[in-house]
């Protein structure tokens, strides 16, 4: 996935892909809302999966474009530890 994301950044540029990310996040919000209203209907479920995939791809491009892959990974590890800690309390 990283190779394709890097190619997309090279072709369209970081600024354009940041704009696309905001659009994809909006589509994900809409998909979550529709999924909740549909009580988990299969069509809404598939749309939700599709939009999550789109956002993940765009987030990967953001990590690459801003050269923050390591930092994001460190934050994820930290946040997961914090989540575990909250569940223990």
N, C-alpha and C. Protein backbone atom coordinates (compact mmCIF):
# COMPACT_ATOMS: atom_id res chain seq x y z
N UNK A 1 0.83 -1.20 0.00
CA UNK A 1 0.00 0.00 0.00
C UNK A 1 0.87 1.26 0.00
N UNK A 2 1.98 1.23 0.74
CA UNK A 2 2.81 2.42 0.86
C UNK A 2 3.37 2.89 -0.48
N UNK A 3 3.76 1.93 -1.32
CA UNK A 3 4.32 2.30 -2.63
C UNK A 3 3.29 3.03 -3.48
N UNK A 4 2.08 2.51 -3.51
CA UNK A 4 1.01 3.13 -4.29
C UNK A 4 0.67 4.51 -3.72
N UNK A 5 0.62 4.61 -2.40
CA UNK A 5 0.32 5.90 -1.76
C UNK A 5 1.40 6.93 -2.09
N UNK A 6 2.66 6.51 -2.07
CA UNK A 6 3.76 7.43 -2.41
C UNK A 6 3.64 7.88 -3.86
N UNK A 7 3.27 6.97 -4.76
CA UNK A 7 3.08 7.33 -6.17
C UNK A 7 1.94 8.34 -6.33
N UNK A 8 0.86 8.12 -5.59
CA UNK A 8 -0.28 9.04 -5.66
C UNK A 8 0.13 10.43 -5.20
N UNK A 9 0.92 10.50 -4.14
CA UNK A 9 1.40 11.80 -3.65
C UNK A 9 2.27 12.49 -4.70
N UNK A 10 3.13 11.71 -5.33
CA UNK A 10 4.01 12.27 -6.36
C UNK A 10 3.18 12.80 -7.54
N UNK A 11 2.14 12.07 -7.91
CA UNK A 11 1.33 12.45 -9.06
C UNK A 11 0.45 13.67 -8.78
N UNK A 12 -0.24 13.68 -7.62
CA UNK A 12 -1.22 14.73 -7.37
C UNK A 12 -0.78 15.78 -6.35
N UNK A 13 0.22 15.47 -5.56
CA UNK A 13 0.72 16.43 -4.58
C UNK A 13 0.01 16.33 -3.24
N UNK A 14 0.73 16.74 -2.20
CA UNK A 14 0.23 16.62 -0.83
C UNK A 14 -0.99 17.50 -0.59
N UNK A 15 -0.95 18.72 -1.08
CA UNK A 15 -2.07 19.64 -0.83
C UNK A 15 -3.38 19.09 -1.40
N UNK A 16 -3.32 18.58 -2.62
CA UNK A 16 -4.52 18.01 -3.24
C UNK A 16 -5.01 16.79 -2.45
N UNK A 17 -4.08 15.97 -1.99
CA UNK A 17 -4.47 14.78 -1.25
C UNK A 17 -5.01 15.12 0.13
N UNK A 18 -4.55 16.21 0.72
CA UNK A 18 -5.13 16.67 1.98
C UNK A 18 -6.60 17.05 1.78
N UNK A 19 -6.88 17.70 0.67
CA UNK A 19 -8.27 18.05 0.36
C UNK A 19 -9.12 16.80 0.18
N UNK A 20 -8.58 15.82 -0.53
CA UNK A 20 -9.30 14.56 -0.73
C UNK A 20 -9.54 13.87 0.62
N UNK A 21 -8.56 13.93 1.51
CA UNK A 21 -8.74 13.34 2.84
C UNK A 21 -9.95 13.93 3.54
N UNK A 22 -10.09 15.25 3.50
CA UNK A 22 -11.24 15.87 4.17
C UNK A 22 -12.55 15.39 3.55
N UNK A 23 -12.56 15.22 2.24
CA UNK A 23 -13.76 14.72 1.56
C UNK A 23 -14.06 13.28 1.99
N UNK A 24 -13.02 12.46 2.05
CA UNK A 24 -13.20 11.06 2.43
C UNK A 24 -13.67 10.94 3.88
N UNK A 25 -13.17 11.80 4.76
CA UNK A 25 -13.63 11.78 6.15
C UNK A 25 -15.11 12.13 6.21
N UNK A 26 -15.53 13.10 5.40
CA UNK A 26 -16.95 13.45 5.33
C UNK A 26 -17.79 12.27 4.86
N UNK A 27 -17.30 11.55 3.87
CA UNK A 27 -18.03 10.38 3.38
C UNK A 27 -18.09 9.28 4.44
N UNK A 28 -17.02 9.14 5.22
CA UNK A 28 -17.04 8.16 6.31
C UNK A 28 -18.05 8.54 7.38
N UNK A 29 -18.10 9.81 7.72
CA UNK A 29 -19.09 10.27 8.70
C UNK A 29 -20.51 9.95 8.22
N UNK A 30 -20.75 10.20 6.96
CA UNK A 30 -22.07 9.92 6.39
C UNK A 30 -22.36 8.41 6.41
N UNK A 31 -21.36 7.60 6.09
CA UNK A 31 -21.54 6.14 6.10
C UNK A 31 -21.83 5.62 7.50
N UNK A 32 -21.16 6.18 8.51
CA UNK A 32 -21.42 5.78 9.90
C UNK A 32 -22.85 6.12 10.27
N UNK A 33 -23.28 7.31 9.90
CA UNK A 33 -24.64 7.74 10.21
C UNK A 33 -25.68 6.83 9.55
N UNK A 34 -25.46 6.52 8.26
CA UNK A 34 -26.40 5.64 7.55
C UNK A 34 -26.40 4.23 8.15
N UNK A 35 -25.23 3.76 8.53
CA UNK A 35 -25.13 2.43 9.13
C UNK A 35 -25.92 2.36 10.43
N UNK A 36 -25.78 3.38 11.25
CA UNK A 36 -26.50 3.41 12.52
C UNK A 36 -28.02 3.46 12.30
N UNK A 37 -28.44 4.24 11.31
CA UNK A 37 -29.88 4.35 11.02
C UNK A 37 -30.45 3.07 10.43
N UNK A 38 -29.61 2.30 9.74
CA UNK A 38 -30.09 1.09 9.06
C UNK A 38 -30.06 -0.14 9.96
N UNK A 39 -29.63 0.04 11.19
CA UNK A 39 -29.50 -1.09 12.13
C UNK A 39 -28.59 -2.18 11.58
N UNK A 40 -27.52 -1.77 10.90
CA UNK A 40 -26.53 -2.73 10.43
C UNK A 40 -26.88 -3.46 9.16
N UNK A 41 -27.73 -2.89 8.31
CA UNK A 41 -28.08 -3.53 7.04
C UNK A 41 -26.81 -3.79 6.23
N UNK A 42 -26.80 -4.90 5.49
CA UNK A 42 -25.60 -5.33 4.77
C UNK A 42 -25.07 -4.27 3.81
N UNK A 43 -25.96 -3.61 3.07
CA UNK A 43 -25.52 -2.58 2.12
C UNK A 43 -24.82 -1.44 2.85
N UNK A 44 -25.37 -1.01 3.95
CA UNK A 44 -24.76 0.06 4.74
C UNK A 44 -23.45 -0.41 5.35
N UNK A 45 -23.41 -1.67 5.72
CA UNK A 45 -22.19 -2.25 6.30
C UNK A 45 -21.05 -2.25 5.28
N UNK A 46 -21.35 -2.63 4.05
CA UNK A 46 -20.34 -2.64 2.99
C UNK A 46 -19.88 -1.22 2.66
N UNK A 47 -20.81 -0.28 2.64
CA UNK A 47 -20.46 1.12 2.39
C UNK A 47 -19.54 1.63 3.49
N UNK A 48 -19.82 1.26 4.72
CA UNK A 48 -18.98 1.64 5.85
C UNK A 48 -17.57 1.09 5.67
N UNK A 49 -17.46 -0.16 5.29
CA UNK A 49 -16.14 -0.78 5.06
C UNK A 49 -15.39 -0.06 3.94
N UNK A 50 -16.10 0.28 2.87
CA UNK A 50 -15.48 0.99 1.75
C UNK A 50 -14.93 2.34 2.19
N UNK A 51 -15.72 3.07 2.94
CA UNK A 51 -15.29 4.41 3.36
C UNK A 51 -14.14 4.35 4.38
N UNK A 52 -14.15 3.33 5.24
CA UNK A 52 -13.02 3.15 6.15
C UNK A 52 -11.75 2.89 5.35
N UNK A 53 -11.86 2.06 4.31
CA UNK A 53 -10.71 1.78 3.45
C UNK A 53 -10.18 3.05 2.79
N UNK A 54 -11.09 3.88 2.27
CA UNK A 54 -10.68 5.13 1.64
C UNK A 54 -9.92 6.03 2.63
N UNK A 55 -10.43 6.14 3.84
CA UNK A 55 -9.79 7.01 4.84
C UNK A 55 -8.44 6.44 5.24
N UNK A 56 -8.34 5.13 5.40
CA UNK A 56 -7.04 4.52 5.74
C UNK A 56 -6.00 4.81 4.68
N UNK A 57 -6.40 4.70 3.43
CA UNK A 57 -5.48 4.97 2.32
C UNK A 57 -5.02 6.42 2.36
N UNK A 58 -5.96 7.32 2.57
CA UNK A 58 -5.60 8.74 2.61
C UNK A 58 -4.73 9.06 3.83
N UNK A 59 -5.01 8.43 4.96
CA UNK A 59 -4.17 8.65 6.15
C UNK A 59 -2.75 8.15 5.92
N UNK A 60 -2.62 7.04 5.22
CA UNK A 60 -1.29 6.54 4.88
C UNK A 60 -0.56 7.56 4.01
N UNK A 61 -1.27 8.17 3.08
CA UNK A 61 -0.65 9.21 2.25
C UNK A 61 -0.21 10.40 3.10
N UNK A 62 -1.01 10.75 4.10
CA UNK A 62 -0.65 11.87 4.97
C UNK A 62 0.62 11.55 5.77
N UNK A 63 0.71 10.33 6.27
CA UNK A 63 1.90 9.92 7.01
C UNK A 63 3.15 10.02 6.13
N UNK A 64 3.04 9.52 4.92
CA UNK A 64 4.16 9.55 3.99
C UNK A 64 4.48 10.99 3.59
N UNK A 65 3.46 11.73 3.21
CA UNK A 65 3.65 13.09 2.72
C UNK A 65 4.24 14.04 3.74
N UNK A 66 3.91 13.82 5.00
CA UNK A 66 4.44 14.67 6.08
C UNK A 66 5.64 14.03 6.77
N UNK A 67 6.05 12.85 6.27
CA UNK A 67 7.20 12.13 6.80
C UNK A 67 7.07 11.90 8.31
N UNK A 68 5.90 11.38 8.71
CA UNK A 68 5.63 11.18 10.14
C UNK A 68 5.24 9.74 10.46
N UNK A 69 5.62 8.81 9.61
CA UNK A 69 5.23 7.42 9.83
C UNK A 69 5.67 6.92 11.21
N UNK A 70 6.92 7.17 11.57
CA UNK A 70 7.45 6.72 12.87
C UNK A 70 6.73 7.40 14.01
N UNK A 71 6.51 8.68 13.89
CA UNK A 71 5.82 9.43 14.94
C UNK A 71 4.40 8.91 15.14
N UNK A 72 3.70 8.65 14.05
CA UNK A 72 2.33 8.12 14.14
C UNK A 72 2.35 6.76 14.82
N UNK A 73 3.30 5.92 14.44
CA UNK A 73 3.40 4.59 15.06
C UNK A 73 3.67 4.71 16.56
N UNK A 74 4.53 5.63 16.95
CA UNK A 74 4.80 5.86 18.37
C UNK A 74 3.54 6.33 19.10
N UNK A 75 2.80 7.24 18.48
CA UNK A 75 1.56 7.73 19.10
C UNK A 75 0.53 6.62 19.23
N UNK A 76 0.45 5.77 18.23
CA UNK A 76 -0.50 4.65 18.29
C UNK A 76 -0.15 3.74 19.47
N UNK A 77 1.12 3.41 19.61
CA UNK A 77 1.54 2.57 20.74
C UNK A 77 1.17 3.22 22.07
N UNK A 78 1.45 4.50 22.19
CA UNK A 78 1.13 5.23 23.42
C UNK A 78 -0.38 5.24 23.68
N UNK A 79 -1.15 5.54 22.67
CA UNK A 79 -2.60 5.63 22.82
C UNK A 79 -3.21 4.27 23.18
N UNK A 80 -2.68 3.20 22.60
CA UNK A 80 -3.16 1.86 22.92
C UNK A 80 -2.87 1.53 24.38
N UNK A 81 -1.68 1.89 24.84
CA UNK A 81 -1.35 1.67 26.26
C UNK A 81 -2.30 2.44 27.16
N UNK A 82 -2.62 3.66 26.79
CA UNK A 82 -3.54 4.47 27.58
C UNK A 82 -4.94 3.85 27.59
N UNK A 83 -5.36 3.33 26.45
CA UNK A 83 -6.66 2.67 26.36
C UNK A 83 -6.70 1.44 27.27
N UNK A 84 -5.64 0.64 27.21
CA UNK A 84 -5.56 -0.54 28.08
C UNK A 84 -5.64 -0.13 29.55
N UNK A 85 -4.93 0.92 29.89
CA UNK A 85 -4.92 1.40 31.27
C UNK A 85 -6.32 1.84 31.71
N UNK A 86 -7.03 2.54 30.85
CA UNK A 86 -8.39 2.98 31.18
C UNK A 86 -9.34 1.80 31.38
N UNK A 87 -9.13 0.74 30.63
CA UNK A 87 -10.00 -0.43 30.76
C UNK A 87 -9.73 -1.18 32.06
N UNK A 88 -8.53 -1.06 32.60
CA UNK A 88 -8.17 -1.72 33.86
C UNK A 88 -8.79 -1.02 35.06
N UNK A 89 -9.03 0.25 34.95
CA UNK A 89 -9.56 1.03 36.08
C UNK A 89 -11.00 0.72 36.38
